[in-house]
Amino acid sequence: MHAELILVHPFREGNGRLARLLCLLTALQAGLPPLDFSPMLGRGRCIYIGGIHAAMGWDYRPLAAEFEKIIVRSKQRAAANTL
């Protein structure tokens, strides 16, 4: 869903923010903690952009791997905050 929304690019501005917001909403509906998108910042942004480029060719694996890291990190942070 994230990659497709980014690739469609329906708005002049805010497409990335909207895509992250929809991912956050989907994660919360699935019972996951709030997602921590900080791995997509800084040097991680290049990996994220590479994942988007791969999705243009129907290869969602790189982006899925990044989201897996985000979910694991978010679960770890949520668990640490409940101790």
PDB file of N, CA and C in Angstrom:
ATOM      1  N   MET A   1       0.830  -1.178   0.000  1.00  0.00           N
ATOM      2  CA  MET A   1       0.000   0.000   0.000  1.00  0.00           C
ATOM      3  C   MET A   1       0.879   1.247   0.000  1.00  0.00           C
ATOM      4  N   HIS A   2       1.904   1.249   0.843  1.00  0.00           N
ATOM      5  CA  HIS A   2       2.770   2.421   0.967  1.00  0.00           C
ATOM      6  C   HIS A   2       3.419   2.761  -0.374  1.00  0.00           C
ATOM      7  N   ALA A   3       4.048   1.781  -0.975  1.00  0.00           N
ATOM      8  CA  ALA A   3       4.755   2.028  -2.239  1.00  0.00           C
ATOM      9  C   ALA A   3       3.795   2.482  -3.328  1.00  0.00           C
ATOM     10  N   GLU A   4       2.651   1.858  -3.413  1.00  0.00           N
ATOM     11  CA  GLU A   4       1.698   2.214  -4.468  1.00  0.00           C
ATOM     12  C   GLU A   4       1.215   3.650  -4.315  1.00  0.00           C
ATOM     13  N   LEU A   5       0.962   4.077  -3.080  1.00  0.00           N
ATOM     14  CA  LEU A   5       0.521   5.455  -2.869  1.00  0.00           C
ATOM     15  C   LEU A   5       1.627   6.430  -3.247  1.00  0.00           C
ATOM     16  N   ILE A   6       2.856   6.096  -2.883  1.00  0.00           N
ATOM     17  CA  ILE A   6       3.979   6.962  -3.245  1.00  0.00           C
ATOM     18  C   ILE A   6       4.134   7.014  -4.766  1.00  0.00           C
ATOM     19  N   LEU A   7       3.996   5.881  -5.424  1.00  0.00           N
ATOM     20  CA  LEU A   7       4.180   5.837  -6.875  1.00  0.00           C
ATOM     21  C   LEU A   7       3.071   6.572  -7.625  1.00  0.00           C
ATOM     22  N   VAL A   8       1.849   6.514  -7.106  1.00  0.00           N
ATOM     23  CA  VAL A   8       0.745   7.239  -7.739  1.00  0.00           C
ATOM     24  C   VAL A   8       0.947   8.743  -7.567  1.00  0.00           C
ATOM     25  N   HIS A   9       1.486   9.141  -6.406  1.00  0.00           N
ATOM     26  CA  HIS A   9       1.802  10.542  -6.101  1.00  0.00           C
ATOM     27  C   HIS A   9       0.594  11.449  -6.381  1.00  0.00           C
ATOM     28  N   PRO A  10      -0.518  11.228  -5.650  1.00  0.00           N
ATOM     29  CA  PRO A  10      -1.756  11.927  -5.978  1.00  0.00           C
ATOM     30  C   PRO A  10      -1.784  13.411  -5.618  1.00  0.00           C
ATOM     31  N   PHE A  11      -0.900  13.850  -4.740  1.00  0.00           N
ATOM     32  CA  PHE A  11      -0.939  15.237  -4.288  1.00  0.00           C
ATOM     33  C   PHE A  11       0.367  15.947  -4.615  1.00  0.00           C
ATOM     34  N   ARG A  12       0.304  17.248  -4.691  1.00  0.00           N
ATOM     35  CA  ARG A  12       1.498  18.042  -4.972  1.00  0.00           C
ATOM     36  C   ARG A  12       2.506  17.921  -3.839  1.00  0.00           C
ATOM     37  N   GLU A  13       2.020  17.929  -2.612  1.00  0.00           N
ATOM     38  CA  GLU A  13       2.877  17.817  -1.432  1.00  0.00           C
ATOM     39  C   GLU A  13       2.226  16.888  -0.422  1.00  0.00           C
ATOM     40  N   GLY A  14       3.033  16.308   0.436  1.00  0.00           N
ATOM     41  CA  GLY A  14       2.517  15.520   1.548  1.00  0.00           C
ATOM     42  C   GLY A  14       2.258  14.055   1.256  1.00  0.00           C
ATOM     43  N   ASN A  15       2.665  13.558   0.112  1.00  0.00           N
ATOM     44  CA  ASN A  15       2.411  12.159  -0.229  1.00  0.00           C
ATOM     45  C   ASN A  15       3.103  11.197   0.728  1.00  0.00           C
ATOM     46  N   GLY A  16       4.341  11.483   1.085  1.00  0.00           N
ATOM     47  CA  GLY A  16       5.068  10.630   2.025  1.00  0.00           C
ATOM     48  C   GLY A  16       4.437  10.646   3.403  1.00  0.00           C
ATOM     49  N   ARG A  17       4.059  11.839   3.856  1.00  0.00           N
ATOM     50  CA  ARG A  17       3.410  11.943   5.171  1.00  0.00           C
ATOM     51  C   ARG A  17       2.097  11.172   5.187  1.00  0.00           C
ATOM     52  N   LEU A  18       1.319  11.302   4.119  1.00  0.00           N
ATOM     53  CA  LEU A  18       0.050  10.580   4.038  1.00  0.00           C
ATOM     54  C   LEU A  18       0.281   9.073   4.009  1.00  0.00           C
ATOM     55  N   ALA A  19       1.274   8.631   3.252  1.00  0.00           N
ATOM     56  CA  ALA A  19       1.567   7.194   3.173  1.00  0.00           C
ATOM     57  C   ALA A  19       1.976   6.656   4.542  1.00  0.00           C
ATOM     58  N   ARG A  20       2.815   7.414   5.278  1.00  0.00           N
ATOM     59  CA  ARG A  20       3.219   6.979   6.620  1.00  0.00           C
ATOM     60  C   ARG A  20       2.030   6.984   7.579  1.00  0.00           C
ATOM     61  N   LEU A  21       1.159   7.978   7.458  1.00  0.00           N
ATOM     62  CA  LEU A  21      -0.029   8.036   8.309  1.00  0.00           C
ATOM     63  C   LEU A  21      -0.938   6.834   8.059  1.00  0.00           C
ATOM     64  N   LEU A  22      -1.131   6.469   6.806  1.00  0.00           N
ATOM     65  CA  LEU A  22      -1.959   5.302   6.491  1.00  0.00           C
ATOM     66  C   LEU A  22      -1.315   4.012   6.989  1.00  0.00           C
ATOM     67  N   CYS A  23       0.011   3.926   6.910  1.00  0.00           N
ATOM     68  CA  CYS A  23       0.710   2.753   7.464  1.00  0.00           C
ATOM     69  C   CYS A  23       0.526   2.692   8.971  1.00  0.00           C
ATOM     70  N   LEU A  24       0.628   3.842   9.619  1.00  0.00           N
ATOM     71  CA  LEU A  24       0.433   3.903  11.065  1.00  0.00           C
ATOM     72  C   LEU A  24      -0.980   3.460  11.431  1.00  0.00           C
ATOM     73  N   LEU A  25      -1.969   3.961  10.727  1.00  0.00           N
ATOM     74  CA  LEU A  25      -3.359   3.585  10.984  1.00  0.00           C
ATOM     75  C   LEU A  25      -3.566   2.089  10.785  1.00  0.00           C
ATOM     76  N   THR A  26      -3.023   1.547   9.709  1.00  0.00           N
ATOM     77  CA  THR A  26      -3.140   0.117   9.431  1.00  0.00           C
ATOM     78  C   THR A  26      -2.478  -0.706  10.528  1.00  0.00           C
ATOM     79  N   ALA A  27      -1.306  -0.272  10.970  1.00  0.00           N
ATOM     80  CA  ALA A  27      -0.594  -0.982  12.037  1.00  0.00           C
ATOM     81  C   ALA A  27      -1.399  -0.963  13.333  1.00  0.00           C
ATOM     82  N   LEU A  28      -1.943   0.185  13.685  1.00  0.00           N
ATOM     83  CA  LEU A  28      -2.740   0.284  14.913  1.00  0.00           C
ATOM     84  C   LEU A  28      -3.980  -0.602  14.828  1.00  0.00           C
ATOM     85  N   GLN A  29      -4.618  -0.635  13.667  1.00  0.00           N
ATOM     86  CA  GLN A  29      -5.788  -1.492  13.492  1.00  0.00           C
ATOM     87  C   GLN A  29      -5.423  -2.966  13.602  1.00  0.00           C
ATOM     88  N   ALA A  30      -4.178  -3.310  13.279  1.00  0.00           N
ATOM     89  CA  ALA A  30      -3.706  -4.697  13.368  1.00  0.00           C
ATOM     90  C   ALA A  30      -3.192  -5.039  14.764  1.00  0.00           C
ATOM     91  N   GLY A  31      -3.291  -4.083  15.690  1.00  0.00           N
ATOM     92  CA  GLY A  31      -2.857  -4.333  17.060  1.00  0.00           C
ATOM     93  C   GLY A  31      -1.380  -4.090  17.308  1.00  0.00           C
ATOM     94  N   LEU A  32      -0.699  -3.473  16.365  1.00  0.00           N
ATOM     95  CA  LEU A  32       0.715  -3.153  16.540  1.00  0.00           C
ATOM     96  C   LEU A  32       0.858  -1.825  17.282  1.00  0.00           C
ATOM     97  N   PRO A  33       2.020  -1.592  17.886  1.00  0.00           N
ATOM     98  CA  PRO A  33       2.246  -0.294  18.527  1.00  0.00           C
ATOM     99  C   PRO A  33       2.449   0.781  17.458  1.00  0.00           C
ATOM    100  N   PRO A  34       2.417   2.055  17.867  1.00  0.00           N
ATOM    101  CA  PRO A  34       2.711   3.116  16.898  1.00  0.00           C
ATOM    102  C   PRO A  34       4.070   2.873  16.239  1.00  0.00           C
ATOM    103  N   LEU A  35       4.122   3.051  14.945  1.00  0.00           N
ATOM    104  CA  LEU A  35       5.346   2.771  14.202  1.00  0.00           C
ATOM    105  C   LEU A  35       6.353   3.907  14.349  1.00  0.00           C
ATOM    106  N   ASP A  36       7.609   3.521  14.501  1.00  0.00           N
ATOM    107  CA  ASP A  36       8.720   4.466  14.608  1.00  0.00           C
ATOM    108  C   ASP A  36       9.409   4.518  13.250  1.00  0.00           C
ATOM    109  N   PHE A  37       9.174   5.583  12.511  1.00  0.00           N
ATOM    110  CA  PHE A  37       9.714   5.702  11.162  1.00  0.00           C
ATOM    111  C   PHE A  37      11.114   6.301  11.131  1.00  0.00           C
ATOM    112  N   SER A  38      11.749   6.475  12.284  1.00  0.00           N
ATOM    113  CA  SER A  38      13.076   7.101  12.302  1.00  0.00           C
ATOM    114  C   SER A  38      14.118   6.354  11.470  1.00  0.00           C
ATOM    115  N   PRO A  39      14.023   5.004  11.292  1.00  0.00           N
ATOM    116  CA  PRO A  39      15.010   4.360  10.410  1.00  0.00           C
ATOM    117  C   PRO A  39      14.954   4.852   8.958  1.00  0.00           C
ATOM    118  N   MET A  40      13.874   5.527   8.575  1.00  0.00           N
ATOM    119  CA  MET A  40      13.763   6.047   7.214  1.00  0.00           C
ATOM    120  C   MET A  40      14.407   7.421   7.072  1.00  0.00           C
ATOM    121  N   LEU A  41      14.956   7.941   8.168  1.00  0.00           N
ATOM    122  CA  LEU A  41      15.588   9.258   8.135  1.00  0.00           C
ATOM    123  C   LEU A  41      17.093   9.114   7.947  1.00  0.00           C
ATOM    124  N   GLY A  42      17.752  10.183   7.618  1.00  0.00           N
ATOM    125  CA  GLY A  42      19.207  10.168   7.478  1.00  0.00           C
ATOM    126  C   GLY A  42      19.663   9.194   6.410  1.00  0.00           C
ATOM    127  N   ARG A  43      20.650   8.362   6.757  1.00  0.00           N
ATOM    128  CA  ARG A  43      21.177   7.388   5.789  1.00  0.00           C
ATOM    129  C   ARG A  43      20.128   6.351   5.409  1.00  0.00           C
ATOM    130  N   GLY A  44      19.199   6.086   6.304  1.00  0.00           N
ATOM    131  CA  GLY A  44      18.142   5.125   6.009  1.00  0.00           C
ATOM    132  C   GLY A  44      17.225   5.585   4.891  1.00  0.00           C
ATOM    133  N   ARG A  45      17.202   6.885   4.648  1.00  0.00           N
ATOM    134  CA  ARG A  45      16.350   7.422   3.588  1.00  0.00           C
ATOM    135  C   ARG A  45      16.777   6.879   2.220  1.00  0.00           C
ATOM    136  N   CYS A  46      18.063   6.718   2.003  1.00  0.00           N
ATOM    137  CA  CYS A  46      18.553   6.176   0.724  1.00  0.00           C
ATOM    138  C   CYS A  46      18.048   4.751   0.518  1.00  0.00           C
ATOM    139  N   ILE A  47      18.033   3.973   1.592  1.00  0.00           N
ATOM    140  CA  ILE A  47      17.531   2.599   1.505  1.00  0.00           C
ATOM    141  C   ILE A  47      16.036   2.618   1.200  1.00  0.00           C
ATOM    142  N   TYR A  48      15.314   3.528   1.868  1.00  0.00           N
ATOM    143  CA  TYR A  48      13.877   3.680   1.653  1.00  0.00           C
ATOM    144  C   TYR A  48      13.593   4.063   0.197  1.00  0.00           C
ATOM    145  N   ILE A  49      14.316   5.041  -0.322  1.00  0.00           N
ATOM    146  CA  ILE A  49      14.122   5.470  -1.712  1.00  0.00           C
ATOM    147  C   ILE A  49      14.455   4.325  -2.668  1.00  0.00           C
ATOM    148  N   GLY A  50      15.497   3.563  -2.350  1.00  0.00           N
ATOM    149  CA  GLY A  50      15.824   2.387  -3.161  1.00  0.00           C
ATOM    150  C   GLY A  50      14.688   1.377  -3.164  1.00  0.00           C
ATOM    151  N   GLY A  51      14.032   1.224  -2.017  1.00  0.00           N
ATOM    152  CA  GLY A  51      12.882   0.330  -1.928  1.00  0.00           C
ATOM    153  C   GLY A  51      11.722   0.806  -2.780  1.00  0.00           C
ATOM    154  N   ILE A  52      11.510   2.114  -2.804  1.00  0.00           N
ATOM    155  CA  ILE A  52      10.457   2.692  -3.647  1.00  0.00           C
ATOM    156  C   ILE A  52      10.795   2.445  -5.123  1.00  0.00           C
ATOM    157  N   HIS A  53      12.054   2.650  -5.483  1.00  0.00           N
ATOM    158  CA  HIS A  53      12.465   2.409  -6.881  1.00  0.00           C
ATOM    159  C   HIS A  53      12.282   0.941  -7.259  1.00  0.00           C
ATOM    160  N   ALA A  54      12.617   0.036  -6.347  1.00  0.00           N
ATOM    161  CA  ALA A  54      12.421  -1.394  -6.623  1.00  0.00           C
ATOM    162  C   ALA A  54      10.937  -1.705  -6.807  1.00  0.00           C
ATOM    163  N   ALA A  55      10.086  -1.037  -6.031  1.00  0.00           N
ATOM    164  CA  ALA A  55       8.639  -1.264  -6.137  1.00  0.00           C
ATOM    165  C   ALA A  55       8.106  -0.827  -7.495  1.00  0.00           C
ATOM    166  N   MET A  56       8.787   0.110  -8.125  1.00  0.00           N
ATOM    167  CA  MET A  56       8.374   0.525  -9.472  1.00  0.00           C
ATOM    168  C   MET A  56       8.449  -0.655 -10.441  1.00  0.00           C
ATOM    169  N   GLY A  57       9.335  -1.601 -10.154  1.00  0.00           N
ATOM    170  CA  GLY A  57       9.467  -2.801 -10.981  1.00  0.00           C
ATOM    171  C   GLY A  57       8.781  -4.006 -10.364  1.00  0.00           C
ATOM    172  N   TRP A  58       7.836  -3.766  -9.483  1.00  0.00           N
ATOM    173  CA  TRP A  58       7.041  -4.804  -8.825  1.00  0.00           C
ATOM    174  C   TRP A  58       7.839  -5.648  -7.822  1.00  0.00           C
ATOM    175  N   ASP A  59       9.004  -5.170  -7.404  1.00  0.00           N
ATOM    176  CA  ASP A  59       9.805  -5.881  -6.403  1.00  0.00           C
ATOM    177  C   ASP A  59       9.624  -5.167  -5.065  1.00  0.00           C
ATOM    178  N   TYR A  60       8.763  -5.716  -4.236  1.00  0.00           N
ATOM    179  CA  TYR A  60       8.439  -5.088  -2.952  1.00  0.00           C
ATOM    180  C   TYR A  60       9.327  -5.583  -1.815  1.00  0.00           C
ATOM    181  N   ARG A  61      10.223  -6.517  -2.098  1.00  0.00           N
ATOM    182  CA  ARG A  61      11.046  -7.109  -1.037  1.00  0.00           C
ATOM    183  C   ARG A  61      11.908  -6.099  -0.284  1.00  0.00           C
ATOM    184  N   PRO A  62      12.620  -5.191  -0.953  1.00  0.00           N
ATOM    185  CA  PRO A  62      13.440  -4.239  -0.195  1.00  0.00           C
ATOM    186  C   PRO A  62      12.612  -3.356   0.740  1.00  0.00           C
ATOM    187  N   LEU A  63      11.484  -2.881   0.263  1.00  0.00           N
ATOM    188  CA  LEU A  63      10.638  -2.030   1.098  1.00  0.00           C
ATOM    189  C   LEU A  63      10.003  -2.842   2.224  1.00  0.00           C
ATOM    190  N   ALA A  64       9.617  -4.071   1.934  1.00  0.00           N
ATOM    191  CA  ALA A  64       9.057  -4.944   2.972  1.00  0.00           C
ATOM    192  C   ALA A  64      10.088  -5.203   4.061  1.00  0.00           C
ATOM    193  N   ALA A  65      11.347  -5.364   3.678  1.00  0.00           N
ATOM    194  CA  ALA A  65      12.410  -5.584   4.663  1.00  0.00           C
ATOM    195  C   ALA A  65      12.577  -4.358   5.552  1.00  0.00           C
ATOM    196  N   GLU A  66      12.470  -3.169   4.977  1.00  0.00           N
ATOM    197  CA  GLU A  66      12.579  -1.947   5.778  1.00  0.00           C
ATOM    198  C   GLU A  66      11.405  -1.823   6.737  1.00  0.00           C
ATOM    199  N   PHE A  67      10.210  -2.147   6.270  1.00  0.00           N
ATOM    200  CA  PHE A  67       9.050  -2.081   7.154  1.00  0.00           C
ATOM    201  C   PHE A  67       9.130  -3.142   8.244  1.00  0.00           C
ATOM    202  N   GLU A  68       9.721  -4.273   7.936  1.00  0.00           N
ATOM    203  CA  GLU A  68       9.912  -5.291   8.973  1.00  0.00           C
ATOM    204  C   GLU A  68      10.812  -4.747  10.081  1.00  0.00           C
ATOM    205  N   LYS A  69      11.877  -4.050   9.704  1.00  0.00           N
ATOM    206  CA  LYS A  69      12.764  -3.428  10.698  1.00  0.00           C
ATOM    207  C   LYS A  69      12.011  -2.393  11.528  1.00  0.00           C
ATOM    208  N   ILE A  70      11.176  -1.617  10.864  1.00  0.00           N
ATOM    209  CA  ILE A  70      10.401  -0.590  11.562  1.00  0.00           C
ATOM    210  C   ILE A  70       9.447  -1.230  12.561  1.00  0.00           C
ATOM    211  N   ILE A  71       8.790  -2.299  12.167  1.00  0.00           N
ATOM    212  CA  ILE A  71       7.850  -2.980  13.060  1.00  0.00           C
ATOM    213  C   ILE A  71       8.582  -3.589  14.247  1.00  0.00           C
ATOM    214  N   VAL A  72       9.708  -4.249  13.999  1.00  0.00           N
ATOM    215  CA  VAL A  72      10.485  -4.851  15.096  1.00  0.00           C
ATOM    216  C   VAL A  72      10.945  -3.769  16.059  1.00  0.00           C
ATOM    217  N   ARG A  73      11.496  -2.687  15.527  1.00  0.00           N
ATOM    218  CA  ARG A  73      11.968  -1.586  16.379  1.00  0.00           C
ATOM    219  C   ARG A  73      10.815  -0.989  17.185  1.00  0.00           C
ATOM    220  N   SER A  74       9.675  -0.817  16.552  1.00  0.00           N
ATOM    221  CA  SER A  74       8.511  -0.239  17.233  1.00  0.00           C
ATOM    222  C   SER A  74       8.028  -1.147  18.356  1.00  0.00           C
ATOM    223  N   LYS A  75       8.025  -2.457  18.117  1.00  0.00           N
ATOM    224  CA  LYS A  75       7.631  -3.406  19.164  1.00  0.00           C
ATOM    225  C   LYS A  75       8.618  -3.373  20.323  1.00  0.00           C
ATOM    226  N   GLN A  76       9.910  -3.288  20.019  1.00  0.00           N
ATOM    227  CA  GLN A  76      10.925  -3.235  21.070  1.00  0.00           C
ATOM    228  C   GLN A  76      10.774  -1.973  21.908  1.00  0.00           C
ATOM    229  N   ARG A  77      10.546  -0.855  21.261  1.00  0.00           N
ATOM    230  CA  ARG A  77      10.376   0.409  21.994  1.00  0.00           C
ATOM    231  C   ARG A  77       9.118   0.369  22.849  1.00  0.00           C
ATOM    232  N   ALA A  78       8.050  -0.203  22.317  1.00  0.00           N
ATOM    233  CA  ALA A  78       6.808  -0.296  23.085  1.00  0.00           C
ATOM    234  C   ALA A  78       7.003  -1.194  24.299  1.00  0.00           C
ATOM    235  N   ALA A  79       7.721  -2.306  24.129  1.00  0.00           N
ATOM    236  CA  ALA A  79       7.975  -3.220  25.248  1.00  0.00           C
ATOM    237  C   ALA A  79       8.845  -2.550  26.301  1.00  0.00           C
ATOM    238  N   ALA A  80       9.830  -1.778  25.879  1.00  0.00           N
ATOM    239  CA  ALA A  80      10.714  -1.088  26.823  1.00  0.00           C
ATOM    240  C   ALA A  80       9.953  -0.025  27.608  1.00  0.00           C
ATOM    241  N   ASN A  81       8.962   0.584  26.984  1.00  0.00           N
ATOM    242  CA  ASN A  81       8.181   1.627  27.659  1.00  0.00           C
ATOM    243  C   ASN A  81       7.178   1.063  28.647  1.00  0.00           C
ATOM    244  N   THR A  82       6.873  -0.220  28.545  1.00  0.00           N
ATOM    245  CA  THR A  82       5.895  -0.813  29.460  1.00  0.00           C
ATOM    246  C   THR A  82       6.553  -1.443  30.673  1.00  0.00           C
ATOM    247  N   LEU A  83       7.883  -1.513  30.692  1.00  0.00           N
ATOM    248  CA  LEU A  83       8.583  -2.120  31.834  1.00  0.00           C
ATOM    249  C   LEU A  83       8.611  -1.195  33.013  1.00  0.00           C
TER     250      LEU A  83
END
